[in-house]
Amino acid sequence: MPDRVGLALLAALALGCGHRPPPPGDAPPEDYRRRLVLILERADYRPAAGALIKIEAGPSAELLSPAEGRTDARGRLELVFAPRPVTHEAALAGGDVIVDYPVEAVLTLPGGRTLALDDRETFARYADAPYQGLNRDPETRATYYVISLP
């Protein structure tokens, strides 16, 4: 008859106390697109309609549209990026899947003023049940950035 320690080890193995991979089909998106909407306002909070903005994407993402553009009548300009996914290798060792989708860009605003844009979304799937409430998908709706001009 096995001793108590042996029984505990057998029970732990049978119940699966180790890390389990996330459920199949729950993989990070491969063709994720990040939509950002810039809203330019003047110092008096009026929209900066027709303002020219030049966008230079950093190495973290490809700018799909536009390389430069003018804001609409409401002072808005929508940007679309294809972020290059960054997988957290240390998380994989524990059975978790964490992938960041970073977007870095430099915006040249009216008057030559530059602004660094740093945006990040994350896909996360945790193997351990207590952490699965923290699972998340990258945002698919546009994120709005309000920029005040002097």
C-alpha atoms as a PDB file:
ATOM      1  CA  MET A   1       0.000   0.000   0.000  1.00  0.00           C
ATOM      2  CA  PRO A   2       1.502   3.363  -1.004  1.00  0.00           C
ATOM      3  CA  ASP A   3       2.291   5.880   1.702  1.00  0.00           C
ATOM      4  CA  ARG A   4       0.428   9.196   2.075  1.00  0.00           C
ATOM      5  CA  VAL A   5       3.034  11.203   0.153  1.00  0.00           C
ATOM      6  CA  GLY A   6       2.822   8.777  -2.745  1.00  0.00           C
ATOM      7  CA  LEU A   7      -0.966   9.014  -2.739  1.00  0.00           C
ATOM      8  CA  ALA A   8      -0.811  12.811  -2.702  1.00  0.00           C
ATOM      9  CA  LEU A   9       1.552  12.811  -5.677  1.00  0.00           C
ATOM     10  CA  LEU A  10      -0.667  10.388  -7.594  1.00  0.00           C
ATOM     11  CA  ALA A  11      -3.752  12.514  -6.861  1.00  0.00           C
ATOM     12  CA  ALA A  12      -1.964  15.693  -7.946  1.00  0.00           C
ATOM     13  CA  LEU A  13      -0.899  14.091 -11.228  1.00  0.00           C
ATOM     14  CA  ALA A  14      -4.356  12.651 -11.840  1.00  0.00           C
ATOM     15  CA  LEU A  15      -6.061  15.988 -11.167  1.00  0.00           C
ATOM     16  CA  GLY A  16      -3.627  17.907 -13.351  1.00  0.00           C
ATOM     17  CA  CYS A  17      -1.979  20.362 -10.999  1.00  0.00           C
ATOM     18  CA  GLY A  18       0.480  21.496 -13.687  1.00  0.00           C
ATOM     19  CA  HIS A  19       0.090  24.254 -16.258  1.00  0.00           C
ATOM     20  CA  ARG A  20      -2.338  23.609 -19.064  1.00  0.00           C
ATOM     21  CA  PRO A  21      -2.248  25.338 -22.421  1.00  0.00           C
ATOM     22  CA  PRO A  22      -5.115  27.682 -23.300  1.00  0.00           C
ATOM     23  CA  PRO A  23      -8.108  26.089 -25.032  1.00  0.00           C
ATOM     24  CA  PRO A  24      -7.598  25.305 -28.744  1.00  0.00           C
ATOM     25  CA  GLY A  25      -8.765  28.004 -31.130  1.00  0.00           C
ATOM     26  CA  ASP A  26      -8.041  30.705 -28.598  1.00  0.00           C
ATOM     27  CA  ALA A  27      -4.966  32.047 -30.382  1.00  0.00           C
ATOM     28  CA  PRO A  28      -3.857  35.660 -30.799  1.00  0.00           C
ATOM     29  CA  PRO A  29      -5.015  37.355 -34.000  1.00  0.00           C
ATOM     30  CA  GLU A  30      -2.450  37.250 -36.798  1.00  0.00           C
ATOM     31  CA  ASP A  31      -3.887  40.093 -38.884  1.00  0.00           C
ATOM     32  CA  TYR A  32      -4.737  42.559 -36.123  1.00  0.00           C
ATOM     33  CA  ARG A  33      -5.300  46.161 -37.225  1.00  0.00           C
ATOM     34  CA  ARG A  34      -5.127  49.076 -34.795  1.00  0.00           C
ATOM     35  CA  ARG A  35      -7.360  52.066 -35.503  1.00  0.00           C
ATOM     36  CA  LEU A  36      -6.521  55.388 -33.876  1.00  0.00           C
ATOM     37  CA  VAL A  37      -8.485  58.585 -34.357  1.00  0.00           C
ATOM     38  CA  LEU A  38      -6.695  61.868 -33.788  1.00  0.00           C
ATOM     39  CA  ILE A  39      -8.843  64.842 -32.830  1.00  0.00           C
ATOM     40  CA  LEU A  40      -7.096  68.192 -33.168  1.00  0.00           C
ATOM     41  CA  GLU A  41      -8.471  71.138 -31.223  1.00  0.00           C
ATOM     42  CA  ARG A  42      -7.388  74.730 -31.062  1.00  0.00           C
ATOM     43  CA  ALA A  43      -6.644  76.399 -27.726  1.00  0.00           C
ATOM     44  CA  ASP A  44     -10.275  77.582 -27.574  1.00  0.00           C
ATOM     45  CA  TYR A  45     -11.501  73.949 -28.059  1.00  0.00           C
ATOM     46  CA  ARG A  46     -12.724  74.511 -31.616  1.00  0.00           C
ATOM     47  CA  PRO A  47     -11.894  71.694 -34.064  1.00  0.00           C
ATOM     48  CA  ALA A  48      -8.784  72.245 -36.167  1.00  0.00           C
ATOM     49  CA  ALA A  49     -10.458  71.472 -39.499  1.00  0.00           C
ATOM     50  CA  GLY A  50      -8.170  70.963 -42.498  1.00  0.00           C
ATOM     51  CA  ALA A  51      -5.001  70.685 -40.399  1.00  0.00           C
ATOM     52  CA  LEU A  52      -2.207  68.741 -42.116  1.00  0.00           C
ATOM     53  CA  ILE A  53      -0.656  65.917 -40.084  1.00  0.00           C
ATOM     54  CA  LYS A  54       2.337  63.857 -41.224  1.00  0.00           C
ATOM     55  CA  ILE A  55       2.717  60.377 -39.696  1.00  0.00           C
ATOM     56  CA  GLU A  56       5.967  58.415 -39.504  1.00  0.00           C
ATOM     57  CA  ALA A  57       5.531  54.907 -38.130  1.00  0.00           C
ATOM     58  CA  GLY A  58       8.266  53.431 -35.964  1.00  0.00           C
ATOM     59  CA  PRO A  59       9.581  49.861 -36.265  1.00  0.00           C
ATOM     60  CA  SER A  60       6.759  48.438 -34.124  1.00  0.00           C
ATOM     61  CA  ALA A  61       4.014  48.776 -36.748  1.00  0.00           C
ATOM     62  CA  GLU A  62       3.332  49.400 -40.409  1.00  0.00           C
ATOM     63  CA  LEU A  63       1.200  52.436 -41.199  1.00  0.00           C
ATOM     64  CA  LEU A  64      -1.520  51.297 -43.600  1.00  0.00           C
ATOM     65  CA  SER A  65      -3.246  54.665 -44.019  1.00  0.00           C
ATOM     66  CA  PRO A  66      -2.614  57.573 -44.363  1.00  0.00           C
ATOM     67  CA  ALA A  67       1.053  58.666 -44.487  1.00  0.00           C
ATOM     68  CA  GLU A  68      -0.223  62.195 -44.145  1.00  0.00           C
ATOM     69  CA  GLY A  69      -3.648  63.674 -44.159  1.00  0.00           C
ATOM     70  CA  ARG A  70      -5.886  66.563 -43.360  1.00  0.00           C
ATOM     71  CA  THR A  71      -8.363  66.560 -40.528  1.00  0.00           C
ATOM     72  CA  ASP A  72     -12.046  66.657 -41.428  1.00  0.00           C
ATOM     73  CA  ALA A  73     -14.514  69.388 -40.422  1.00  0.00           C
ATOM     74  CA  ARG A  74     -14.596  67.976 -36.872  1.00  0.00           C
ATOM     75  CA  GLY A  75     -10.787  68.014 -36.581  1.00  0.00           C
ATOM     76  CA  ARG A  76     -10.507  64.229 -36.926  1.00  0.00           C
ATOM     77  CA  LEU A  77      -8.090  62.009 -38.806  1.00  0.00           C
ATOM     78  CA  GLU A  78      -8.267  58.202 -38.633  1.00  0.00           C
ATOM     79  CA  LEU A  79      -5.040  56.180 -38.755  1.00  0.00           C
ATOM     80  CA  VAL A  80      -4.797  52.435 -39.403  1.00  0.00           C
ATOM     81  CA  PHE A  81      -1.737  50.441 -38.331  1.00  0.00           C
ATOM     82  CA  ALA A  82      -0.676  46.807 -38.666  1.00  0.00           C
ATOM     83  CA  PRO A  83       1.273  46.237 -35.426  1.00  0.00           C
ATOM     84  CA  ARG A  84       4.073  43.681 -35.369  1.00  0.00           C
ATOM     85  CA  PRO A  85       3.138  41.201 -32.593  1.00  0.00           C
ATOM     86  CA  VAL A  86       5.560  40.736 -29.698  1.00  0.00           C
ATOM     87  CA  THR A  87       5.175  37.411 -27.858  1.00  0.00           C
ATOM     88  CA  HIS A  88       6.245  37.210 -24.204  1.00  0.00           C
ATOM     89  CA  GLU A  89       8.486  34.133 -24.270  1.00  0.00           C
ATOM     90  CA  ALA A  90       8.703  33.878 -20.462  1.00  0.00           C
ATOM     91  CA  ALA A  91       4.907  33.571 -20.257  1.00  0.00           C
ATOM     92  CA  LEU A  92       4.903  30.670 -22.729  1.00  0.00           C
ATOM     93  CA  ALA A  93       7.117  28.656 -20.370  1.00  0.00           C
ATOM     94  CA  GLY A  94       4.330  28.789 -17.781  1.00  0.00           C
ATOM     95  CA  GLY A  95       1.594  27.852 -20.248  1.00  0.00           C
ATOM     96  CA  ASP A  96       0.302  31.409 -20.676  1.00  0.00           C
ATOM     97  CA  VAL A  97       0.033  33.258 -23.991  1.00  0.00           C
ATOM     98  CA  ILE A  98       0.674  37.018 -23.896  1.00  0.00           C
ATOM     99  CA  VAL A  99       1.140  38.982 -27.109  1.00  0.00           C
ATOM    100  CA  ASP A 100       1.549  42.765 -27.321  1.00  0.00           C
ATOM    101  CA  TYR A 101       0.556  44.799 -30.372  1.00  0.00           C
ATOM    102  CA  PRO A 102       2.590  48.026 -30.104  1.00  0.00           C
ATOM    103  CA  VAL A 103       2.185  51.122 -32.253  1.00  0.00           C
ATOM    104  CA  GLU A 104       4.843  53.811 -32.135  1.00  0.00           C
ATOM    105  CA  ALA A 105       4.784  56.785 -34.446  1.00  0.00           C
ATOM    106  CA  VAL A 106       5.897  60.397 -34.683  1.00  0.00           C
ATOM    107  CA  LEU A 107       3.251  62.921 -35.659  1.00  0.00           C
ATOM    108  CA  THR A 108       4.224  66.217 -37.230  1.00  0.00           C
ATOM    109  CA  LEU A 109       1.482  68.701 -36.446  1.00  0.00           C
ATOM    110  CA  PRO A 110       0.719  72.149 -37.884  1.00  0.00           C
ATOM    111  CA  GLY A 111       3.515  74.600 -37.134  1.00  0.00           C
ATOM    112  CA  GLY A 112       6.162  71.835 -37.209  1.00  0.00           C
ATOM    113  CA  ARG A 113       5.447  70.630 -33.666  1.00  0.00           C
ATOM    114  CA  THR A 114       6.147  66.884 -33.237  1.00  0.00           C
ATOM    115  CA  LEU A 115       4.410  64.462 -30.936  1.00  0.00           C
ATOM    116  CA  ALA A 116       5.429  60.878 -30.100  1.00  0.00           C
ATOM    117  CA  LEU A 117       2.560  58.401 -30.195  1.00  0.00           C
ATOM    118  CA  ASP A 118       2.933  55.224 -28.133  1.00  0.00           C
ATOM    119  CA  ASP A 119      -0.078  52.894 -28.131  1.00  0.00           C
ATOM    120  CA  ARG A 120      -0.290  49.244 -27.124  1.00  0.00           C
ATOM    121  CA  GLU A 121      -2.951  46.555 -27.041  1.00  0.00           C
ATOM    122  CA  THR A 122      -2.534  43.064 -25.561  1.00  0.00           C
ATOM    123  CA  PHE A 123      -3.872  39.572 -26.132  1.00  0.00           C
ATOM    124  CA  ALA A 124      -3.633  37.397 -23.007  1.00  0.00           C
ATOM    125  CA  ARG A 125      -4.712  33.874 -22.129  1.00  0.00           C
ATOM    126  CA  TYR A 126      -3.743  32.487 -18.741  1.00  0.00           C
ATOM    127  CA  ALA A 127      -3.474  28.750 -18.130  1.00  0.00           C
ATOM    128  CA  ASP A 128      -4.209  28.809 -14.388  1.00  0.00           C
ATOM    129  CA  ALA A 129      -7.889  29.092 -13.494  1.00  0.00           C
ATOM    130  CA  PRO A 130      -7.476  31.862 -10.867  1.00  0.00           C
ATOM    131  CA  TYR A 131      -5.961  34.157 -13.510  1.00  0.00           C
ATOM    132  CA  GLN A 132      -8.309  33.397 -16.401  1.00  0.00           C
ATOM    133  CA  GLY A 133     -10.490  36.354 -15.424  1.00  0.00           C
ATOM    134  CA  LEU A 134      -7.584  38.496 -16.669  1.00  0.00           C
ATOM    135  CA  ASN A 135      -7.786  37.035 -20.192  1.00  0.00           C
ATOM    136  CA  ARG A 136      -8.239  39.777 -22.766  1.00  0.00           C
ATOM    137  CA  ASP A 137      -8.331  40.495 -26.469  1.00  0.00           C
ATOM    138  CA  PRO A 138      -6.858  43.525 -28.212  1.00  0.00           C
ATOM    139  CA  GLU A 139      -9.354  46.349 -28.740  1.00  0.00           C
ATOM    140  CA  THR A 140     -11.045  46.313 -32.129  1.00  0.00           C
ATOM    141  CA  ARG A 141     -12.812  49.662 -31.815  1.00  0.00           C
ATOM    142  CA  ALA A 142     -10.921  52.849 -32.599  1.00  0.00           C
ATOM    143  CA  THR A 143      -9.163  54.667 -29.773  1.00  0.00           C
ATOM    144  CA  TYR A 144      -9.447  58.453 -29.738  1.00  0.00           C
ATOM    145  CA  TYR A 145      -6.608  60.848 -28.929  1.00  0.00           C
ATOM    146  CA  VAL A 146      -7.451  64.503 -28.374  1.00  0.00           C
ATOM    147  CA  ILE A 147      -4.548  66.821 -29.228  1.00  0.00           C
ATOM    148  CA  SER A 148      -4.671  70.474 -28.278  1.00  0.00           C
ATOM    149  CA  LEU A 149      -2.845  72.902 -30.522  1.00  0.00           C
ATOM    150  CA  PRO A 150      -1.355  76.097 -29.110  1.00  0.00           C
END
